[in-house]
Protein backbone atom coordinates (compact mmCIF):
# COMPACT_ATOMS: atom_id res chain seq x y z
CA TYR A 1 -35.11 9.20 72.49
CA GLU A 2 -35.97 8.34 68.91
CA VAL A 3 -38.99 7.40 66.83
CA GLU A 4 -38.35 5.68 63.50
CA ASN A 5 -40.62 4.72 60.63
CA LEU A 6 -39.65 1.07 60.39
CA LEU A 7 -40.11 -2.47 61.55
CA ASN A 8 -36.97 -3.55 63.37
CA ASN A 9 -35.85 -7.13 64.07
CA LYS A 10 -33.49 -6.22 66.86
CA LYS A 11 -31.41 -8.38 69.16
CA SER A 12 -32.26 -8.13 72.84
CA GLY A 13 -29.87 -7.50 75.69
CA ASN A 14 -28.30 -4.22 74.59
CA THR A 15 -29.90 -1.35 76.46
CA GLU A 16 -27.45 1.16 74.94
CA ASN A 17 -28.68 0.62 71.38
CA PRO A 18 -32.44 0.18 71.05
CA PHE A 19 -32.21 0.05 67.25
CA GLN A 20 -29.63 -2.73 67.02
CA GLY A 21 -30.35 -5.32 64.34
CA LYS A 22 -31.72 -5.43 60.81
CA LYS A 23 -34.22 -2.74 59.85
CA GLU A 24 -36.99 -3.52 57.40
CA TYR A 25 -39.02 -0.54 56.21
CA GLU A 26 -42.78 -0.86 56.59
CA LYS A 27 -44.72 2.38 56.39
CA ARG A 28 -47.51 1.58 58.87
CA PHE A 29 -45.16 0.46 61.66
CA ARG A 30 -43.09 2.68 63.93
CA MET A 31 -40.38 1.87 66.41
CA ALA A 32 -39.52 4.01 69.40
CA GLY A 33 -36.33 3.42 71.36
CA TRP A 34 -34.71 5.02 74.38
CA ASN A 35 -31.75 4.61 76.73
CA ALA A 36 -32.24 4.38 80.50
CA ASN A 37 -30.27 3.30 83.56
CA ASP A 38 -30.75 3.07 87.33
CA PRO A 39 -27.80 4.10 89.56
CA ASN A 40 -28.73 1.37 92.06
CA GLY A 41 -28.82 -1.32 89.41
CA ASP A 42 -32.56 -1.92 89.87
CA LYS A 43 -34.48 -3.59 87.05
CA LEU A 44 -36.43 -1.08 85.02
CA ARG A 45 -39.77 -1.47 83.33
CA TYR A 46 -41.34 1.01 80.93
CA ASN A 47 -44.84 2.36 80.35
CA VAL A 48 -45.46 3.92 76.94
CA HIS A 49 -48.37 6.26 76.23
CA TYR A 50 -49.30 8.41 73.22
CA ARG A 51 -51.47 11.39 72.39
CA GLY A 52 -52.13 13.77 69.51
CA VAL A 53 -50.33 17.10 69.83
CA SER A 54 -53.68 18.91 70.18
CA GLU A 55 -55.01 16.44 72.76
CA SER A 56 -54.56 16.40 76.53
CA ILE A 57 -55.22 12.74 77.36
CA TRP A 58 -52.38 10.20 77.21
CA ARG A 59 -53.50 6.78 75.98
CA PRO A 60 -51.65 3.56 76.89
CA LEU A 61 -49.63 1.94 74.12
CA GLU A 62 -47.58 -0.67 76.05
CA LEU A 63 -47.20 -1.17 79.81
CA ASN A 64 -44.46 -2.79 81.90
CA LEU A 65 -42.12 -3.35 78.97
CA GLU A 66 -38.80 -5.04 79.73
CA GLU A 67 -37.05 -3.85 76.57
CA ASN A 68 -36.05 -0.28 75.83
CA SER A 69 -37.99 -0.13 72.57
CA VAL A 70 -41.49 -0.66 71.27
CA ILE A 71 -42.90 -1.39 67.80
CA PHE A 72 -46.42 -0.18 67.19
CA ASP A 73 -48.89 -0.29 64.32
CA THR A 74 -50.26 3.10 63.27
CA GLU A 75 -53.06 1.71 61.09
CA SER A 76 -55.71 2.43 63.74
CA MET A 77 -54.37 5.94 64.43
CA ALA A 78 -55.85 8.91 62.60
CA ASP A 79 -53.48 10.84 60.35
CA GLY A 80 -51.80 13.67 62.19
CA LYS A 81 -49.00 14.61 64.57
CA TYR A 82 -48.35 12.71 67.79
CA LEU A 83 -46.17 12.46 70.88
CA LEU A 84 -45.00 9.45 72.87
CA ARG A 85 -44.32 9.48 76.61
CA VAL A 86 -42.06 6.83 78.15
CA THR A 87 -42.09 6.35 81.94
CA ALA A 88 -39.32 4.23 83.50
CA HIS A 89 -39.97 2.76 86.97
CA ASP A 90 -38.15 0.42 89.37
CA SER A 91 -41.18 -0.89 91.27
CA LEU A 92 -40.16 -4.53 90.77
CA ASP A 93 -37.17 -4.12 93.07
CA ASN A 94 -38.70 -1.64 95.52
CA PRO A 95 -41.87 -1.38 97.62
CA ASP A 96 -44.38 1.22 96.53
CA SER A 97 -43.13 3.76 99.07
CA ARG A 98 -39.55 3.57 97.71
CA ALA A 99 -40.24 3.04 94.02
CA GLU A 100 -39.11 5.84 91.74
CA SER A 101 -39.95 6.78 88.17
CA SER A 102 -38.81 9.13 85.44
CA GLU A 103 -40.43 10.08 82.16
CA ARG A 104 -39.51 11.58 78.84
CA ILE A 105 -41.60 12.85 75.93
CA SER A 106 -40.62 12.26 72.33
CA PRO A 107 -40.25 14.78 69.53
CA VAL A 108 -43.38 15.23 67.43
CA PHE A 109 -43.84 12.54 64.78
CA THR A 110 -46.32 12.23 61.91
CA VAL A 111 -48.72 9.42 61.12
CA ASP A 112 -49.90 9.35 57.51
CA ASN A 113 -51.57 6.22 56.11
CA THR A 114 -53.75 7.99 53.53
CA PRO A 115 -52.67 8.35 49.89
CA PRO A 116 -52.42 11.78 48.31
CA SER A 117 -55.02 12.88 45.75
CA ILE A 118 -54.53 13.84 42.11
CA GLN A 119 -56.81 16.72 41.18
CA ASN A 120 -57.78 18.72 38.09
CA LEU A 121 -56.09 16.32 35.70
CA ARG A 122 -56.49 17.64 32.15
CA ILE A 123 -55.14 16.50 28.79
CA SER A 124 -55.40 19.08 26.01
CA LYS A 125 -54.51 18.84 22.33
CA ILE A 126 -51.79 21.17 21.04
CA ASN A 127 -50.07 21.77 17.64
CA ASN A 128 -53.33 21.20 15.77
CA GLY A 129 -53.77 17.80 17.34
CA LEU A 130 -50.21 16.58 16.78
CA GLY A 131 -49.33 16.67 20.49
CA PHE A 132 -50.86 17.18 23.91
CA GLU A 133 -50.36 18.94 27.22
CA LEU A 134 -50.91 17.33 30.63
CA SER A 135 -51.62 19.33 33.78
CA PHE A 136 -52.67 18.32 37.30
CA GLN A 137 -52.18 18.97 41.01
CA VAL A 138 -51.12 16.51 43.70
CA ARG A 139 -52.29 17.20 47.24
CA ASP A 140 -51.79 15.52 50.61
CA LEU A 141 -53.34 16.67 53.87
CA THR A 142 -50.60 15.43 56.19
CA SER A 143 -47.17 15.00 54.59
CA ARG A 144 -45.28 16.48 51.66
CA ILE A 145 -45.39 15.09 48.13
CA GLU A 146 -42.36 12.83 47.76
CA ARG A 147 -42.42 11.55 44.18
CA VAL A 148 -44.57 11.79 41.04
CA GLU A 149 -44.19 9.56 37.99
CA VAL A 150 -45.83 9.77 34.57
CA ALA A 151 -46.03 7.16 31.78
CA VAL A 152 -47.59 7.34 28.32
CA ASP A 153 -49.03 4.08 26.98
CA ALA A 154 -46.60 1.23 27.70
CA GLU A 155 -43.48 3.35 28.12
CA GLN A 156 -41.36 3.25 31.27
CA ALA A 157 -42.67 5.63 33.94
CA ARG A 158 -40.42 8.63 34.57
CA GLN A 159 -40.18 10.90 37.57
CA VAL A 160 -41.35 14.45 36.91
CA ALA A 161 -40.74 17.73 38.72
CA PRO A 162 -43.41 20.25 39.72
CA VAL A 163 -43.83 23.58 38.00
CA ASP A 164 -41.74 25.38 40.65
CA GLU A 165 -39.00 22.68 40.38
CA ILE A 166 -39.03 22.17 44.16
CA GLN A 167 -40.97 19.23 45.59
CA ASP A 168 -41.35 20.25 49.23
CA SER A 169 -45.01 21.03 49.88
CA LEU A 170 -48.36 19.43 50.69
CA GLN A 171 -49.57 20.51 47.23
CA GLU A 172 -47.63 20.64 43.97
CA ASP A 173 -48.64 21.66 40.43
CA TYR A 174 -47.43 19.80 37.34
CA ARG A 175 -47.41 20.60 33.64
CA LEU A 176 -45.91 18.44 30.89
CA VAL A 177 -45.94 18.81 27.11
CA TRP A 178 -45.57 16.25 24.32
CA GLU A 179 -45.04 18.33 21.18
CA LYS A 180 -45.58 15.52 18.68
CA VAL A 181 -46.86 11.97 19.04
CA VAL A 182 -48.24 9.39 16.61
CA ALA A 183 -51.93 9.58 15.75
CA GLY A 184 -54.35 7.40 17.69
CA GLU A 185 -55.44 6.91 21.27
CA HIS A 186 -52.93 7.45 24.06
CA THR A 187 -53.29 6.67 27.77
CA VAL A 188 -51.45 8.70 30.39
CA THR A 189 -50.81 7.16 33.82
CA VAL A 190 -49.90 9.33 36.81
CA GLN A 191 -48.61 7.92 40.10
CA ALA A 192 -47.99 10.03 43.18
CA TYR A 193 -46.37 9.16 46.51
CA ASP A 194 -46.40 11.15 49.71
CA GLN A 195 -43.57 11.29 52.26
CA PHE A 196 -44.66 7.95 53.72
CA TYR A 197 -44.97 6.30 50.29
CA ASN A 198 -48.73 6.06 50.25
CA LEU A 199 -49.56 5.67 46.56
CA VAL A 200 -52.34 6.93 44.29
CA THR A 201 -52.67 6.10 40.57
CA VAL A 202 -54.92 7.68 37.93
CA ARG A 203 -55.26 7.16 34.16
CA GLN A 204 -56.78 9.24 31.40
CA SER A 205 -56.86 8.82 27.62
CA ILE A 206 -56.84 11.18 24.65
CA LYS A 207 -57.29 10.50 20.93
CA LEU A 208 -55.13 12.32 18.37
CA PRO A 209 -55.50 14.12 16.10
């Protein structure tokens, strides 16, 4: 049983490989796939439900699916951690009294459609106004910080590392120093991505000296 963060254009007819076909990444879509078989050769249909890990009620996602995979849009789901439950049944080939079913629950997966936030951004003059220091924090409530880029004026943005050199947390601190730059006004642009590539961008200017 797998849950992937992608939109998958798969070919039908292969119940052994629910992820067959070309995969196109799209952060708000997920695909869940599973393998199932019936020893009597009965046709199987699948009911898919979901719930938050702290909830008790399973909500229907798709019912009576013929394929062993489902693509679903997470845009209407609140950020957080979820489970899927897939129930396979053979009721099409059997009367109600003889129909059988089996279910399986997925590993926990995360939904995060909200960008991180950039907080406490400060630009301070150093070296008697010949250079400046940039400091800020990046925070996300659901998934880790994946990538942070900084650009000054029209220069190419460059990826920067946090103060602790390890980018693996929901909050990271950053500090960068430009020892000497030309006099005049300079604009610093900061872009931050979380694990699901939600993006936030902020800009701030400073005038030197």
